[in-house]
N, C-alpha and C. Protein backbone atom coordinates (compact mmCIF):
# COMPACT_ATOMS: atom_id res chain seq x y z
N UNK A 1 164.41 -54.13 190.79
CA UNK A 1 165.45 -55.74 190.55
C UNK A 1 165.72 -55.68 192.17
N UNK A 2 165.28 -57.00 192.33
CA UNK A 2 164.99 -57.83 193.87
C UNK A 2 166.07 -57.86 194.37
N UNK A 3 166.36 -57.60 195.81
CA UNK A 3 167.48 -57.80 196.48
C UNK A 3 168.00 -59.14 196.30
N UNK A 4 167.43 -60.20 195.95
CA UNK A 4 168.19 -61.49 195.85
C UNK A 4 168.67 -61.40 194.71
N UNK A 5 168.78 -60.34 193.42
CA UNK A 5 169.26 -60.95 192.64
C UNK A 5 170.66 -59.42 192.58
N UNK A 6 171.86 -59.83 192.64
CA UNK A 6 172.87 -59.40 192.12
C UNK A 6 174.23 -59.06 191.25
N UNK A 7 174.10 -57.94 190.64
CA UNK A 7 174.31 -57.67 189.08
C UNK A 7 175.39 -56.47 189.78
N UNK A 8 176.64 -57.35 188.73
CA UNK A 8 178.10 -56.01 188.86
C UNK A 8 177.91 -54.93 187.57
N UNK A 9 178.66 -54.25 187.56
CA UNK A 9 178.51 -52.98 186.14
C UNK A 9 178.49 -53.81 185.12
N UNK A 10 178.22 -53.61 183.78
CA UNK A 10 178.19 -53.83 182.72
C UNK A 10 177.46 -53.54 181.59
N UNK A 11 177.13 -53.93 180.50
CA UNK A 11 176.33 -53.84 179.11
C UNK A 11 175.13 -54.56 179.22
N UNK A 12 174.40 -54.02 178.87
CA UNK A 12 172.96 -54.43 179.07
C UNK A 12 172.21 -53.70 177.98
N UNK A 13 171.78 -54.62 176.86
CA UNK A 13 170.84 -53.70 175.78
C UNK A 13 169.54 -54.05 176.08
N UNK A 14 168.66 -53.06 175.37
CA UNK A 14 167.35 -53.08 175.55
C UNK A 14 167.01 -54.48 175.43
N UNK A 15 165.78 -55.17 176.26
CA UNK A 15 164.83 -56.20 175.90
C UNK A 15 165.82 -57.41 176.09
N UNK A 16 166.80 -57.09 177.31
CA UNK A 16 167.13 -58.01 178.15
C UNK A 16 166.52 -58.61 179.38
N UNK A 17 166.30 -59.86 179.42
CA UNK A 17 165.74 -59.59 181.28
C UNK A 17 166.58 -60.51 182.00
N UNK A 18 166.62 -60.08 183.35
CA UNK A 18 167.83 -60.54 183.93
C UNK A 18 167.52 -60.82 185.65
N UNK A 19 167.05 -62.04 185.78
CA UNK A 19 166.45 -62.52 187.12
C UNK A 19 165.11 -63.23 186.21
N UNK A 20 164.75 -63.44 185.70
CA UNK A 20 163.76 -64.75 185.10
C UNK A 20 163.22 -65.49 186.57
N UNK A 21 161.66 -65.34 186.89
CA UNK A 21 161.47 -66.05 187.80
C UNK A 21 160.93 -67.82 186.49
N UNK A 22 161.56 -68.96 187.49
CA UNK A 22 161.39 -70.22 186.51
C UNK A 22 160.18 -70.81 186.73
N UNK A 23 159.55 -70.69 187.54
CA UNK A 23 157.64 -70.45 187.84
C UNK A 23 158.10 -71.91 188.68
N UNK A 24 159.38 -72.13 189.46
CA UNK A 24 159.54 -73.39 189.89
C UNK A 24 160.06 -72.66 191.43
N UNK A 25 160.36 -73.11 192.32
CA UNK A 25 161.09 -72.50 193.19
C UNK A 25 162.47 -72.97 193.04
N UNK A 26 163.40 -71.90 193.59
CA UNK A 26 164.92 -72.06 193.43
C UNK A 26 165.36 -71.42 194.96
N UNK A 27 166.62 -72.14 194.70
CA UNK A 27 167.24 -72.11 196.41
C UNK A 27 167.92 -70.98 196.50
N UNK A 28 167.88 -70.44 195.74
CA UNK A 28 168.94 -69.37 195.67
C UNK A 28 168.60 -68.17 194.64
N UNK A 29 169.52 -66.51 194.87
CA UNK A 29 169.03 -65.71 193.88
C UNK A 29 169.97 -65.92 192.55
N UNK A 30 170.43 -64.88 192.05
CA UNK A 30 171.31 -64.73 191.10
C UNK A 30 172.14 -63.78 191.43
N UNK A 31 173.40 -64.03 190.79
CA UNK A 31 174.59 -63.02 190.98
C UNK A 31 175.51 -63.23 189.41
N UNK A 32 175.76 -61.97 189.16
CA UNK A 32 176.26 -61.49 187.73
C UNK A 32 177.30 -60.56 187.87
N UNK A 33 178.52 -60.89 187.80
CA UNK A 33 179.74 -60.56 187.78
C UNK A 33 179.85 -59.27 186.65
N UNK A 34 180.79 -59.11 187.40
CA UNK A 34 181.12 -57.04 186.55
C UNK A 34 181.41 -57.78 185.03
N UNK A 35 181.80 -56.16 184.22
CA UNK A 35 182.07 -56.36 182.83
C UNK A 35 181.42 -57.30 182.14
N UNK A 36 180.05 -57.59 182.38
CA UNK A 36 179.14 -58.41 181.13
C UNK A 36 178.92 -57.81 180.24
N UNK A 37 178.71 -58.58 178.90
CA UNK A 37 178.03 -58.06 177.86
C UNK A 37 176.54 -58.68 177.67
N UNK A 38 175.47 -58.77 177.53
CA UNK A 38 174.46 -59.08 177.34
C UNK A 38 173.62 -58.43 176.19
N UNK A 39 173.34 -58.77 175.08
CA UNK A 39 173.25 -58.85 173.54
C UNK A 39 171.54 -58.88 173.69
N UNK A 40 170.72 -58.14 172.75
CA UNK A 40 169.28 -57.97 173.19
C UNK A 40 168.60 -59.63 172.63
N UNK A 41 167.41 -59.69 173.67
CA UNK A 41 167.02 -61.16 173.84
C UNK A 41 167.26 -62.13 174.85
N UNK A 42 168.60 -62.15 175.36
CA UNK A 42 168.90 -62.80 176.33
C UNK A 42 168.09 -62.98 177.62
N UNK A 43 168.11 -63.62 178.24
CA UNK A 43 166.88 -64.16 179.30
C UNK A 43 167.67 -64.94 180.16
N UNK A 44 168.46 -64.39 181.38
CA UNK A 44 168.93 -65.40 182.65
C UNK A 44 167.80 -65.47 183.47
N UNK A 45 167.78 -66.95 184.15
CA UNK A 45 167.07 -66.90 185.09
C UNK A 45 167.65 -66.89 186.50
N UNK A 46 166.41 -66.83 187.17
CA UNK A 46 166.87 -66.73 188.96
C UNK A 46 167.57 -67.92 189.17
N UNK A 47 169.04 -68.32 190.00
CA UNK A 47 168.66 -69.55 190.65
C UNK A 47 170.65 -69.84 190.23
N UNK A 48 171.46 -68.77 190.01
CA UNK A 48 172.90 -68.98 188.44
C UNK A 48 173.55 -68.00 189.61
N UNK A 49 174.50 -68.95 189.11
CA UNK A 49 176.03 -67.53 189.57
C UNK A 49 177.10 -67.82 188.13
N UNK A 50 177.18 -66.32 188.15
CA UNK A 50 177.93 -66.14 186.48
C UNK A 50 178.95 -64.83 187.04
N UNK A 51 180.44 -65.66 186.47
CA UNK A 51 181.12 -64.45 186.79
C UNK A 51 181.28 -63.55 185.69
N UNK A 52 182.71 -62.99 186.13
CA UNK A 52 183.23 -61.70 185.52
C UNK A 52 183.08 -62.13 184.08
N UNK A 53 182.78 -61.48 183.14
CA UNK A 53 182.83 -60.47 181.93
C UNK A 53 182.33 -61.72 180.90
N UNK A 54 181.26 -62.17 181.60
CA UNK A 54 180.64 -62.75 180.88
C UNK A 54 179.55 -62.21 179.49
N UNK A 55 179.92 -62.77 178.34
CA UNK A 55 179.40 -62.29 177.00
C UNK A 55 178.31 -63.48 176.05
N UNK A 56 176.80 -62.31 175.90
CA UNK A 56 175.77 -63.41 175.22
C UNK A 56 175.93 -62.92 173.76
N UNK A 57 175.66 -63.78 173.15
CA UNK A 57 174.71 -62.80 171.53
C UNK A 57 173.48 -62.60 171.37
N UNK A 58 172.96 -62.46 170.99
CA UNK A 58 170.94 -62.46 170.46
C UNK A 58 170.68 -63.45 171.34
N UNK A 59 169.44 -63.19 171.76
CA UNK A 59 168.28 -64.56 171.98
C UNK A 59 169.10 -65.91 172.89
N UNK A 60 169.93 -65.80 173.95
CA UNK A 60 170.54 -66.43 174.15
C UNK A 60 169.78 -66.86 175.67
N UNK A 61 169.75 -67.95 176.05
CA UNK A 61 168.50 -68.47 177.71
C UNK A 61 170.04 -68.97 178.07
N UNK A 62 169.57 -68.96 179.73
CA UNK A 62 170.34 -69.27 180.84
C UNK A 62 169.60 -69.49 181.41
N UNK A 63 169.27 -71.00 182.02
CA UNK A 63 168.12 -71.60 182.96
C UNK A 63 168.45 -71.53 184.35
N UNK A 64 168.22 -71.57 185.23
CA UNK A 64 168.46 -71.74 186.89
C UNK A 64 169.53 -72.61 187.25
N UNK A 65 170.13 -72.28 187.78
CA UNK A 65 171.07 -73.22 188.75
C UNK A 65 172.02 -73.89 188.19
N UNK A 66 172.33 -72.76 186.88
CA UNK A 66 173.73 -73.08 186.50
C UNK A 66 174.94 -72.23 187.23
N UNK A 67 176.15 -73.26 187.14
CA UNK A 67 177.64 -72.16 187.78
C UNK A 67 178.13 -72.12 186.45
N UNK A 68 178.33 -70.69 186.38
CA UNK A 68 179.67 -70.34 185.28
C UNK A 68 180.91 -69.61 185.37
N UNK A 69 181.50 -70.00 185.08
CA UNK A 69 182.90 -69.24 185.50
C UNK A 69 182.99 -67.85 185.23
N UNK A 70 184.64 -67.05 184.98
CA UNK A 70 184.97 -66.18 184.20
C UNK A 70 185.16 -66.18 182.73
N UNK A 71 184.44 -64.94 182.38
CA UNK A 71 185.65 -64.99 180.66
C UNK A 71 184.90 -65.79 179.98
N UNK A 72 183.29 -66.36 180.38
CA UNK A 72 182.89 -67.54 179.41
C UNK A 72 181.69 -66.20 178.17
N UNK A 73 181.63 -67.22 177.06
CA UNK A 73 180.69 -66.29 176.14
C UNK A 73 180.07 -67.51 175.41
N UNK A 74 178.46 -67.33 175.56
CA UNK A 74 177.48 -67.60 175.22
C UNK A 74 177.03 -66.88 173.98
N UNK A 75 176.88 -67.89 172.79
CA UNK A 75 176.67 -66.72 171.25
C UNK A 75 174.86 -67.19 170.74
N UNK A 76 174.96 -66.45 170.08
CA UNK A 76 173.12 -65.91 169.45
C UNK A 76 172.66 -67.51 169.39
N UNK A 77 171.14 -67.38 169.81
CA UNK A 77 170.31 -68.92 169.86
C UNK A 77 170.79 -70.12 170.53
N UNK A 78 172.31 -69.74 171.32
CA UNK A 78 172.41 -71.08 172.27
C UNK A 78 171.25 -70.88 173.52
N UNK A 79 171.21 -72.63 173.71
CA UNK A 79 170.31 -71.70 175.34
C UNK A 79 171.34 -73.16 176.71
N UNK A 80 171.12 -72.42 177.66
CA UNK A 80 172.23 -73.57 178.70
C UNK A 80 171.07 -73.78 179.50
N UNK A 81 170.96 -74.84 179.39
CA UNK A 81 169.88 -75.39 180.69
C UNK A 81 169.97 -75.57 182.02
N UNK A 82 169.30 -75.93 183.12
CA UNK A 82 169.12 -75.70 184.59
C UNK A 82 170.64 -76.47 184.58
N UNK A 83 171.42 -76.70 185.59
CA UNK A 83 171.93 -77.28 186.68
C UNK A 83 173.31 -77.42 185.64
N UNK A 84 173.77 -76.74 184.74
CA UNK A 84 174.53 -76.77 183.63
C UNK A 84 176.60 -76.33 184.62
N UNK A 85 177.22 -76.77 184.52
CA UNK A 85 178.15 -76.39 184.66
C UNK A 85 178.85 -75.84 184.02
N UNK A 86 180.11 -74.35 183.91
CA UNK A 86 180.69 -74.38 182.75
C UNK A 86 181.54 -73.54 183.38
N UNK A 87 183.45 -74.16 182.95
CA UNK A 87 184.43 -73.54 183.54
C UNK A 87 184.89 -71.65 182.87
N UNK A 88 186.08 -71.75 183.39
CA UNK A 88 186.44 -70.01 182.94
C UNK A 88 186.57 -70.45 181.37
N UNK A 89 186.39 -69.23 180.55
CA UNK A 89 187.05 -68.80 179.99
C UNK A 89 186.60 -70.29 178.32
N UNK A 90 185.59 -71.10 178.57
CA UNK A 90 185.02 -71.75 177.55
C UNK A 90 183.87 -70.42 177.13
N UNK A 91 183.86 -71.12 175.79
CA UNK A 91 182.95 -70.62 174.52
C UNK A 91 181.94 -71.25 174.19
N UNK A 92 181.20 -70.88 173.41
CA UNK A 92 179.79 -71.91 173.12
C UNK A 92 178.96 -71.08 171.32
N UNK A 93 178.82 -71.69 170.60
CA UNK A 93 178.78 -70.65 169.71
C UNK A 93 178.02 -70.93 169.19
N UNK A 94 177.30 -70.49 168.30
CA UNK A 94 175.51 -70.25 168.45
C UNK A 94 175.23 -71.30 167.98
N UNK A 95 173.66 -71.43 168.20
CA UNK A 95 172.66 -72.36 168.19
C UNK A 95 173.13 -73.41 169.04
N UNK A 96 173.45 -73.63 170.16
CA UNK A 96 173.66 -74.87 170.65
C UNK A 96 172.99 -75.18 171.56
N UNK A 97 172.96 -76.45 172.07
CA UNK A 97 171.89 -76.77 173.35
C UNK A 97 172.77 -77.30 174.52
N UNK A 98 172.81 -76.69 175.51
CA UNK A 98 173.58 -77.49 176.66
C UNK A 98 172.34 -78.40 177.62
N UNK A 99 172.34 -79.08 177.76
CA UNK A 99 171.39 -80.14 178.48
C UNK A 99 171.36 -80.05 179.75
N UNK A 100 170.58 -80.23 180.46
CA UNK A 100 170.37 -80.22 181.84
C UNK A 100 171.77 -80.87 182.65
N UNK A 101 172.18 -80.09 183.99
CA UNK A 101 173.08 -81.17 184.22
C UNK A 101 174.05 -81.80 183.39
N UNK A 102 174.51 -80.97 182.60
CA UNK A 102 176.23 -81.12 181.80
C UNK A 102 177.13 -80.20 182.41
N UNK A 103 178.24 -80.94 181.89
CA UNK A 103 179.55 -80.02 182.85
C UNK A 103 180.41 -79.59 181.44
N UNK A 104 180.84 -78.68 181.35
CA UNK A 104 181.57 -78.37 180.09
C UNK A 104 182.78 -77.18 181.02
N UNK A 105 183.97 -77.71 180.58
CA UNK A 105 185.54 -77.71 181.40
C UNK A 105 185.91 -76.29 181.21
N UNK A 106 186.95 -75.88 182.15
CA UNK A 106 187.69 -73.85 181.29
C UNK A 106 188.26 -74.19 179.71
N UNK A 107 188.15 -73.51 179.20
CA UNK A 107 188.56 -73.21 178.37
C UNK A 107 187.53 -74.12 176.71
N UNK A 108 186.64 -74.87 177.11
CA UNK A 108 186.69 -76.15 176.05
C UNK A 108 185.53 -75.03 174.91
N UNK A 109 185.25 -75.30 174.11
CA UNK A 109 185.13 -74.65 172.39
C UNK A 109 183.55 -75.82 172.48
N UNK A 110 182.34 -75.08 171.97
CA UNK A 110 181.65 -76.06 171.03
C UNK A 110 181.33 -74.85 169.87
N UNK A 111 181.42 -75.23 168.83
CA UNK A 111 180.78 -75.02 167.57
C UNK A 111 179.53 -75.01 167.00
N UNK A 112 179.06 -74.11 165.90
CA UNK A 112 177.73 -73.60 165.79
C UNK A 112 177.41 -74.82 165.96
N UNK A 113 175.86 -75.47 166.28
CA UNK A 113 174.81 -76.51 166.25
C UNK A 113 174.99 -77.26 167.44
N UNK A 114 176.44 -77.47 168.02
CA UNK A 114 176.11 -78.85 168.93
C UNK A 114 175.15 -78.91 169.86
N UNK A 115 174.72 -80.24 170.17
CA UNK A 115 173.69 -80.51 170.89
C UNK A 115 173.95 -81.53 171.78
N UNK A 116 174.05 -81.29 173.02
CA UNK A 116 173.97 -82.21 174.18
C UNK A 116 172.70 -82.98 174.35
N UNK A 117 172.34 -84.05 174.96
CA UNK A 117 171.32 -85.15 175.10
C UNK A 117 171.43 -85.38 176.93
N UNK A 118 170.70 -85.79 177.33
CA UNK A 118 170.63 -85.85 179.10
C UNK A 118 169.80 -86.90 179.39
N UNK A 119 168.55 -87.60 178.30
CA UNK A 119 167.87 -88.47 178.81
C UNK A 119 167.75 -89.86 178.29
N UNK A 120 168.37 -90.87 179.19
CA UNK A 120 168.87 -92.20 178.42
C UNK A 120 167.67 -93.09 178.04
N UNK A 121 166.89 -92.81 178.76
CA UNK A 121 165.05 -93.52 178.61
C UNK A 121 163.91 -92.46 178.41
N UNK A 122 164.16 -91.55 176.68
CA UNK A 122 162.93 -90.66 176.85
C UNK A 122 161.20 -91.31 176.87
N UNK A 123 161.28 -90.80 177.94
CA UNK A 123 159.74 -90.99 177.68
C UNK A 123 159.31 -92.31 179.23
N UNK A 124 160.37 -92.56 179.88
CA UNK A 124 159.97 -93.10 180.66
C UNK A 124 159.67 -92.31 182.25
N UNK A 125 158.85 -92.69 182.53
CA UNK A 125 158.17 -92.03 183.95
C UNK A 125 159.53 -91.31 185.15
N UNK A 126 160.36 -92.66 185.06
CA UNK A 126 161.76 -92.84 186.01
C UNK A 126 162.34 -92.01 185.96
N UNK A 127 162.74 -91.98 184.16
CA UNK A 127 164.27 -91.58 183.47
C UNK A 127 164.65 -89.84 184.28
N UNK A 128 163.81 -89.01 184.93
CA UNK A 128 164.14 -88.29 185.13
C UNK A 128 165.19 -87.83 186.41
N UNK A 129 165.20 -88.93 187.04
CA UNK A 129 165.55 -89.04 188.61
C UNK A 129 167.11 -89.50 187.86
N UNK A 130 167.47 -89.85 186.79
CA UNK A 130 168.55 -90.17 186.26
C UNK A 130 169.53 -89.52 184.92
N UNK A 131 168.59 -88.39 185.03
CA UNK A 131 169.44 -87.25 184.18
C UNK A 131 170.69 -86.91 183.93
N UNK A 132 171.36 -86.76 182.80
CA UNK A 132 173.08 -86.37 183.11
C UNK A 132 173.25 -86.33 182.30
N UNK A 133 173.84 -85.17 181.92
CA UNK A 133 174.50 -84.48 180.26
C UNK A 133 175.69 -85.19 180.15
N UNK A 134 176.75 -84.71 179.52
CA UNK A 134 177.93 -85.41 179.25
C UNK A 134 178.86 -84.44 180.08
N UNK A 135 179.75 -84.66 180.05
CA UNK A 135 181.26 -84.55 180.53
C UNK A 135 182.40 -83.85 179.48
N UNK A 136 182.64 -82.27 179.40
CA UNK A 136 183.37 -81.94 178.50
C UNK A 136 185.11 -81.80 179.10
N UNK A 137 186.18 -82.15 178.70
CA UNK A 137 186.56 -81.92 179.24
C UNK A 137 187.50 -80.45 179.09
N UNK A 138 188.81 -80.20 179.78
CA UNK A 138 189.48 -78.68 179.79
C UNK A 138 189.63 -78.42 178.62
N UNK A 139 189.63 -77.77 177.59
CA UNK A 139 190.09 -77.69 176.12
C UNK A 139 189.70 -78.48 175.33
N UNK A 140 188.87 -78.74 175.78
CA UNK A 140 188.52 -80.19 174.54
C UNK A 140 187.06 -79.08 173.47
N UNK A 141 187.42 -79.82 172.26
CA UNK A 141 186.87 -78.80 170.93
C UNK A 141 185.88 -79.57 170.10
N UNK A 142 184.51 -79.29 170.50
CA UNK A 142 183.59 -80.22 169.85
C UNK A 142 182.74 -79.33 168.52
N UNK A 143 183.19 -80.14 167.72
CA UNK A 143 182.92 -79.39 166.09
C UNK A 143 181.44 -79.16 165.71
N UNK A 144 181.44 -78.40 164.71
CA UNK A 144 179.92 -77.92 163.75
C UNK A 144 178.88 -79.36 164.36
N UNK A 145 178.00 -78.72 164.55
CA UNK A 145 176.86 -79.78 164.52
C UNK A 145 177.21 -81.67 164.94
N UNK A 146 177.94 -81.35 166.13
CA UNK A 146 178.08 -82.87 166.72
C UNK A 146 176.85 -82.92 167.87
N UNK A 147 176.76 -83.95 167.69
CA UNK A 147 175.35 -84.52 168.94
C UNK A 147 176.40 -85.23 170.05
N UNK A 148 176.44 -85.28 171.49
CA UNK A 148 176.97 -85.65 172.17
C UNK A 148 175.79 -86.41 173.81
N UNK A 149 175.83 -87.95 173.55
CA UNK A 149 174.95 -88.28 174.48
C UNK A 149 175.06 -88.33 175.83
N UNK A 150 173.96 -88.75 176.50
CA UNK A 150 174.24 -88.41 178.25
C UNK A 150 175.08 -89.81 178.86
N UNK A 151 175.64 -88.56 179.94
CA UNK A 151 176.64 -89.60 180.57
C UNK A 151 177.90 -89.89 179.81
N UNK A 152 178.00 -89.01 178.49
CA UNK A 152 179.74 -89.33 177.91
C UNK A 152 180.52 -88.45 178.39
N UNK A 153 181.86 -88.69 178.64
CA UNK A 153 182.72 -88.06 179.09
C UNK A 153 183.76 -88.09 177.47
N UNK A 154 184.29 -86.55 177.66
CA UNK A 154 185.25 -86.50 176.41
C UNK A 154 185.97 -85.97 177.40
N UNK A 155 187.22 -85.91 177.05
CA UNK A 155 188.73 -86.18 177.70
C UNK A 155 189.09 -84.46 177.40
N UNK A 156 189.83 -83.70 178.57
CA UNK A 156 191.09 -83.00 178.05
C UNK A 156 191.32 -82.67 176.82
N UNK A 157 191.46 -81.46 176.36
CA UNK A 157 192.24 -80.95 175.09
C UNK A 157 191.51 -82.44 173.93
N UNK A 158 190.21 -82.72 173.93
CA UNK A 158 190.18 -83.72 172.47
C UNK A 158 189.39 -82.74 171.76
N UNK A 159 189.91 -83.09 170.53
CA UNK A 159 189.18 -82.90 169.49
C UNK A 159 187.70 -83.49 169.23
N UNK A 160 186.75 -83.03 168.55
CA UNK A 160 185.75 -84.16 167.63
C UNK A 160 185.36 -83.77 166.51
N UNK A 161 185.53 -84.24 165.54
CA UNK A 161 185.18 -83.74 164.53
C UNK A 161 183.77 -83.00 163.73
N UNK A 162 183.34 -82.79 163.11
CA UNK A 162 182.11 -82.39 162.60
C UNK A 162 181.25 -83.47 162.29
N UNK A 163 180.06 -83.10 162.70
CA UNK A 163 178.78 -83.76 162.22
C UNK A 163 179.06 -85.44 163.04
N UNK A 164 179.92 -85.38 163.91
CA UNK A 164 179.80 -86.50 164.65
C UNK A 164 178.89 -87.09 166.01
N UNK A 165 178.71 -87.75 165.87
CA UNK A 165 177.69 -88.74 167.18
C UNK A 165 178.41 -89.26 168.44
N UNK A 166 178.48 -88.90 169.17
CA UNK A 166 179.28 -89.19 170.34
C UNK A 166 178.75 -89.85 171.60
N UNK A 167 178.70 -91.14 170.80
CA UNK A 167 178.01 -92.48 172.07
C UNK A 167 179.28 -93.05 173.22
N UNK A 168 180.08 -92.57 173.28
CA UNK A 168 180.79 -93.46 174.53
C UNK A 168 182.00 -92.49 174.26
N UNK A 169 182.62 -92.60 175.62
CA UNK A 169 183.72 -91.77 176.24
C UNK A 169 184.39 -91.64 175.36
N UNK A 170 185.63 -90.30 175.30
CA UNK A 170 186.48 -90.62 174.43
C UNK A 170 187.87 -90.24 175.80
N UNK A 171 188.79 -90.69 175.05
CA UNK A 171 189.95 -90.29 175.92
C UNK A 171 190.61 -88.86 176.08
N UNK A 172 191.41 -88.27 176.99
CA UNK A 172 192.27 -86.94 176.55
C UNK A 172 193.08 -86.90 175.47
N UNK A 173 193.38 -85.51 174.37
CA UNK A 173 193.99 -85.54 173.36
C UNK A 173 193.93 -86.31 172.37
N UNK A 174 193.03 -86.82 171.54
CA UNK A 174 192.88 -87.57 170.72
C UNK A 174 191.98 -86.88 169.65
N UNK A 175 191.94 -86.98 168.44
CA UNK A 175 190.86 -86.95 167.36
C UNK A 175 190.28 -86.97 167.00
N UNK A 176 188.62 -86.98 167.63
CA UNK A 176 188.07 -88.38 167.21
C UNK A 176 186.67 -87.62 166.50
N UNK A 177 186.03 -88.61 165.25
CA UNK A 177 185.45 -88.17 164.22
C UNK A 177 184.51 -89.52 163.91
N UNK A 178 183.06 -89.29 163.42
CA UNK A 178 182.00 -90.49 162.98
C UNK A 178 181.11 -90.46 163.41
N UNK A 179 180.24 -91.43 163.17
CA UNK A 179 179.05 -91.86 163.79
C UNK A 179 178.88 -93.64 163.88
N UNK A 180 179.70 -94.05 165.26
CA UNK A 180 179.51 -93.42 166.45
C UNK A 180 181.33 -92.62 166.90
N UNK A 181 181.60 -91.73 167.14
CA UNK A 181 182.64 -91.15 167.29
C UNK A 181 184.03 -92.14 167.51
N UNK A 182 185.20 -92.30 167.09
CA UNK A 182 186.06 -93.26 167.64
C UNK A 182 187.14 -92.29 167.31
N UNK A 183 188.01 -92.32 168.33
CA UNK A 183 189.58 -91.65 168.08
C UNK A 183 190.01 -92.32 167.11
N UNK A 184 190.95 -91.65 166.26
CA UNK A 184 191.96 -91.81 164.73
C UNK A 184 192.99 -91.49 164.46
N UNK A 185 193.29 -90.45 166.04
CA UNK A 185 194.88 -90.36 165.99
C UNK A 185 195.05 -89.36 167.39
N UNK A 186 196.18 -88.83 167.54
CA UNK A 186 196.28 -88.22 168.96
C UNK A 186 196.43 -86.49 168.61
N UNK A 187 195.83 -85.42 168.92
CA UNK A 187 196.12 -84.06 168.41
C UNK A 187 197.34 -83.67 167.88
N UNK A 188 198.13 -83.96 169.74
CA UNK A 188 199.80 -84.10 169.06
C UNK A 188 200.42 -84.39 167.51
N UNK A 189 199.88 -85.35 167.23
CA UNK A 189 200.28 -85.14 165.82
C UNK A 189 199.93 -84.64 165.10
N UNK A 190 199.14 -83.55 164.73
CA UNK A 190 198.40 -82.73 163.80
C UNK A 190 199.95 -82.15 163.27
N UNK A 191 199.47 -81.98 161.96
CA UNK A 191 200.20 -81.21 161.16
C UNK A 191 200.36 -79.62 161.65
N UNK A 192 201.23 -78.68 162.05
CA UNK A 192 200.79 -77.46 162.47
C UNK A 192 200.81 -76.65 161.16
N UNK A 193 199.53 -76.02 161.17
CA UNK A 193 199.26 -75.13 160.00
C UNK A 193 199.90 -74.52 159.36
N UNK A 194 200.97 -73.78 160.26
CA UNK A 194 202.42 -73.06 158.89
C UNK A 194 202.91 -74.40 157.78
N UNK A 195 202.98 -75.78 158.84
CA UNK A 195 203.50 -76.35 157.91
C UNK A 195 202.95 -77.78 157.02
N UNK A 196 201.49 -77.12 156.41
CA UNK A 196 200.97 -77.59 155.49
C UNK A 196 200.84 -77.41 154.09
N UNK A 197 201.04 -78.19 153.65
CA UNK A 197 201.23 -77.69 151.54
C UNK A 197 199.95 -76.80 151.37
N UNK A 198 200.05 -75.86 150.41
CA UNK A 198 199.25 -75.26 150.39
C UNK A 198 198.19 -75.88 149.37
N UNK A 199 197.11 -75.54 149.51
CA UNK A 199 195.67 -76.20 148.85
C UNK A 199 195.89 -75.36 147.37
N UNK A 200 195.78 -76.71 146.34
CA UNK A 200 196.33 -76.54 145.06
C UNK A 200 194.57 -77.02 144.67
N UNK A 201 193.57 -76.72 144.77
CA UNK A 201 192.12 -77.02 144.20
C UNK A 201 192.01 -78.18 143.51
N UNK A 202 192.15 -79.30 143.76
CA UNK A 202 192.19 -80.47 143.69
C UNK A 202 191.35 -81.04 144.83
N UNK A 203 190.60 -81.69 144.58
CA UNK A 203 189.62 -82.64 145.74
C UNK A 203 189.71 -83.89 145.49
N UNK A 204 190.19 -84.77 146.51
CA UNK A 204 189.91 -86.51 146.10
C UNK A 204 188.49 -86.82 146.40
N UNK A 205 188.00 -87.57 145.94
CA UNK A 205 186.50 -87.85 145.58
C UNK A 205 186.62 -89.91 145.34
């Protein structure tokens, strides 16, 4: 293993690649903290900083120049593209795509199938210099199959409902859903699970 790759003690399955060369120059080596669990098919590129207790599912890709905090998990089939920043305790579920130059705050959660975009003008020669993924606030929860467009900021603690398309910024502490996603209430106004009436088998149509 190259001297520029610093890997703490942890569990690494067969078929994991740590320190993959990206095919373009990177300004730094790879640092991976202790107590990690890397499952088969995981590929981690050179050029990233990853904290302690990092866990992956199978077939996860972490590209170069990522800054990832402690206690982060990225589950099966997800891709963290280059230049991404992820805070402590964030969880990225299965089949997610985190686009280049996105930010995910501490404790945020991405449900299965979440996809970020980062290109305002696809196909435009000058758009590469303008690429920027979304910013997800601390503790925000992004539902199944949500799409978040470039430059969008989602506030701390906000919940985005399944299947939504987030085209504009969302404030902190709201429940938002739809296409385009809009706030429909405050997170603090939810009925606690223990106080909800039990399901009686009927469905409104």
